Amino acid sequence: MQQQTFTIKNSTGVHARPAGAILKKASQFACKVEIEKADGTRVSAKGMVGLLKLGLKQNDQVTVITDGDGEVEALQAVGEVLETVFE
């Protein structure tokens, strides 16, 4: 199991477009990929509804937790998407 904290950089937070990008990236890996808010709410990064329900805003910190084959690569890949500024 791997985990690391990332900061949401997008000025409008995680709405449909960034959530779709997170889901697409997470789905490229066989391992379990979850995102956890500071309040302990944890969802699968491979589910659109869960990602949107987190209500992530700019500067929110989230922890990405991966477990299984390719967990290190998945952690970095999903983290990069979380810290991307979408235009």
C-alpha atoms as a PDB file:
ATOM      1  CA  MET A   1       0.000   0.000   0.000  1.00  0.00           C
ATOM      2  CA  GLN A   2       1.203   3.491  -0.901  1.00  0.00           C
ATOM      3  CA  GLN A   3      -0.199   6.877   0.063  1.00  0.00           C
ATOM      4  CA  GLN A   4       0.670  10.520  -0.438  1.00  0.00           C
ATOM      5  CA  THR A   5      -1.045  13.868   0.110  1.00  0.00           C
ATOM      6  CA  PHE A   6      -1.676  16.229  -2.790  1.00  0.00           C
ATOM      7  CA  THR A   7      -3.190  19.715  -3.080  1.00  0.00           C
ATOM      8  CA  ILE A   8      -5.980  20.569  -5.528  1.00  0.00           C
ATOM      9  CA  LYS A   9      -4.623  23.321  -7.783  1.00  0.00           C
ATOM     10  CA  ASN A  10      -7.574  23.882 -10.125  1.00  0.00           C
ATOM     11  CA  SER A  11      -9.241  27.225  -9.347  1.00  0.00           C
ATOM     12  CA  THR A  12     -12.716  25.723  -9.768  1.00  0.00           C
ATOM     13  CA  GLY A  13     -11.959  22.558  -7.807  1.00  0.00           C
ATOM     14  CA  VAL A  14     -12.862  19.080  -8.973  1.00  0.00           C
ATOM     15  CA  HIS A  15     -15.952  19.322 -11.163  1.00  0.00           C
ATOM     16  CA  ALA A  16     -16.935  16.985 -14.034  1.00  0.00           C
ATOM     17  CA  ARG A  17     -13.929  17.583 -16.303  1.00  0.00           C
ATOM     18  CA  PRO A  18     -11.176  17.123 -13.693  1.00  0.00           C
ATOM     19  CA  ALA A  19     -13.096  14.216 -12.120  1.00  0.00           C
ATOM     20  CA  GLY A  20     -13.225  12.561 -15.539  1.00  0.00           C
ATOM     21  CA  ALA A  21      -9.474  13.025 -15.945  1.00  0.00           C
ATOM     22  CA  ILE A  22      -8.827  11.510 -12.495  1.00  0.00           C
ATOM     23  CA  LEU A  23     -11.117   8.561 -13.253  1.00  0.00           C
ATOM     24  CA  LYS A  24      -9.511   7.980 -16.664  1.00  0.00           C
ATOM     25  CA  LYS A  25      -5.993   7.988 -15.189  1.00  0.00           C
ATOM     26  CA  ALA A  26      -6.913   5.783 -12.201  1.00  0.00           C
ATOM     27  CA  SER A  27      -8.663   3.284 -14.469  1.00  0.00           C
ATOM     28  CA  GLN A  28      -5.424   2.672 -16.363  1.00  0.00           C
ATOM     29  CA  PHE A  29      -4.099   0.761 -13.351  1.00  0.00           C
ATOM     30  CA  ALA A  30      -5.188  -2.634 -12.022  1.00  0.00           C
ATOM     31  CA  CYS A  31      -4.588  -1.630  -8.399  1.00  0.00           C
ATOM     32  CA  LYS A  32      -7.102  -0.128  -6.006  1.00  0.00           C
ATOM     33  CA  VAL A  33      -6.973   3.690  -6.114  1.00  0.00           C
ATOM     34  CA  GLU A  34      -8.794   5.750  -3.495  1.00  0.00           C
ATOM     35  CA  ILE A  35      -8.936   9.442  -2.607  1.00  0.00           C
ATOM     36  CA  GLU A  36      -9.482  10.576   0.969  1.00  0.00           C
ATOM     37  CA  LYS A  37     -10.427  14.060   2.186  1.00  0.00           C
ATOM     38  CA  ALA A  38      -9.067  15.477   5.431  1.00  0.00           C
ATOM     39  CA  ASP A  39     -12.407  14.678   7.132  1.00  0.00           C
ATOM     40  CA  GLY A  40     -11.864  10.959   6.478  1.00  0.00           C
ATOM     41  CA  THR A  41     -14.301  10.601   3.566  1.00  0.00           C
ATOM     42  CA  ARG A  42     -12.773   8.056   1.180  1.00  0.00           C
ATOM     43  CA  VAL A  43     -13.963   7.132  -2.317  1.00  0.00           C
ATOM     44  CA  SER A  44     -12.698   5.120  -5.251  1.00  0.00           C
ATOM     45  CA  ALA A  45     -10.885   7.243  -7.831  1.00  0.00           C
ATOM     46  CA  LYS A  46     -12.466   4.970 -10.438  1.00  0.00           C
ATOM     47  CA  GLY A  47     -16.018   6.219  -9.777  1.00  0.00           C
ATOM     48  CA  MET A  48     -17.337   9.543 -11.103  1.00  0.00           C
ATOM     49  CA  VAL A  49     -20.153   9.948  -8.569  1.00  0.00           C
ATOM     50  CA  GLY A  50     -17.858   9.407  -5.592  1.00  0.00           C
ATOM     51  CA  LEU A  51     -15.294  11.879  -6.904  1.00  0.00           C
ATOM     52  CA  LEU A  52     -17.941  14.562  -7.413  1.00  0.00           C
ATOM     53  CA  LYS A  53     -19.485  13.920  -3.981  1.00  0.00           C
ATOM     54  CA  LEU A  54     -16.176  14.829  -2.329  1.00  0.00           C
ATOM     55  CA  GLY A  55     -16.811  18.445  -3.355  1.00  0.00           C
ATOM     56  CA  LEU A  56     -13.101  19.214  -3.645  1.00  0.00           C
ATOM     57  CA  LYS A  57     -12.152  22.873  -3.927  1.00  0.00           C
ATOM     58  CA  GLN A  58      -8.929  24.684  -4.771  1.00  0.00           C
ATOM     59  CA  ASN A  59      -6.247  24.232  -2.082  1.00  0.00           C
ATOM     60  CA  ASP A  60      -8.027  21.247  -0.480  1.00  0.00           C
ATOM     61  CA  GLN A  61      -5.573  18.551   0.501  1.00  0.00           C
ATOM     62  CA  VAL A  62      -6.387  14.953  -0.317  1.00  0.00           C
ATOM     63  CA  THR A  63      -4.574  11.692   0.232  1.00  0.00           C
ATOM     64  CA  VAL A  64      -4.277   9.231  -2.614  1.00  0.00           C
ATOM     65  CA  ILE A  65      -4.100   5.625  -1.427  1.00  0.00           C
ATOM     66  CA  THR A  66      -3.118   2.837  -3.812  1.00  0.00           C
ATOM     67  CA  ASP A  67      -2.860  -0.889  -3.204  1.00  0.00           C
ATOM     68  CA  GLY A  68      -1.912  -3.669  -5.614  1.00  0.00           C
ATOM     69  CA  ASP A  69      -0.057  -4.110  -8.896  1.00  0.00           C
ATOM     70  CA  GLY A  70       1.352  -0.787 -10.145  1.00  0.00           C
ATOM     71  CA  GLU A  71       0.527   1.068  -6.940  1.00  0.00           C
ATOM     72  CA  VAL A  72       3.593   3.341  -7.038  1.00  0.00           C
ATOM     73  CA  GLU A  73       2.990   4.372 -10.647  1.00  0.00           C
ATOM     74  CA  ALA A  74      -0.736   4.864 -10.020  1.00  0.00           C
ATOM     75  CA  LEU A  75      -0.038   7.063  -7.004  1.00  0.00           C
ATOM     76  CA  GLN A  76       2.191   9.411  -8.979  1.00  0.00           C
ATOM     77  CA  ALA A  77      -0.043   9.470 -12.060  1.00  0.00           C
ATOM     78  CA  VAL A  78      -3.232  10.291 -10.149  1.00  0.00           C
ATOM     79  CA  GLY A  79      -1.369  12.828  -8.004  1.00  0.00           C
ATOM     80  CA  GLU A  80      -0.182  14.640 -11.112  1.00  0.00           C
ATOM     81  CA  VAL A  81      -3.760  14.919 -12.366  1.00  0.00           C
ATOM     82  CA  LEU A  82      -4.946  16.230  -8.970  1.00  0.00           C
ATOM     83  CA  GLU A  83      -2.303  18.963  -9.057  1.00  0.00           C
ATOM     84  CA  THR A  84      -3.023  19.976 -12.670  1.00  0.00           C
ATOM     85  CA  VAL A  85      -4.633  23.324 -13.392  1.00  0.00           C
ATOM     86  CA  PHE A  86      -7.408  22.794 -15.957  1.00  0.00           C
ATOM     87  CA  GLU A  87      -8.272  25.704 -18.211  1.00  0.00           C
END
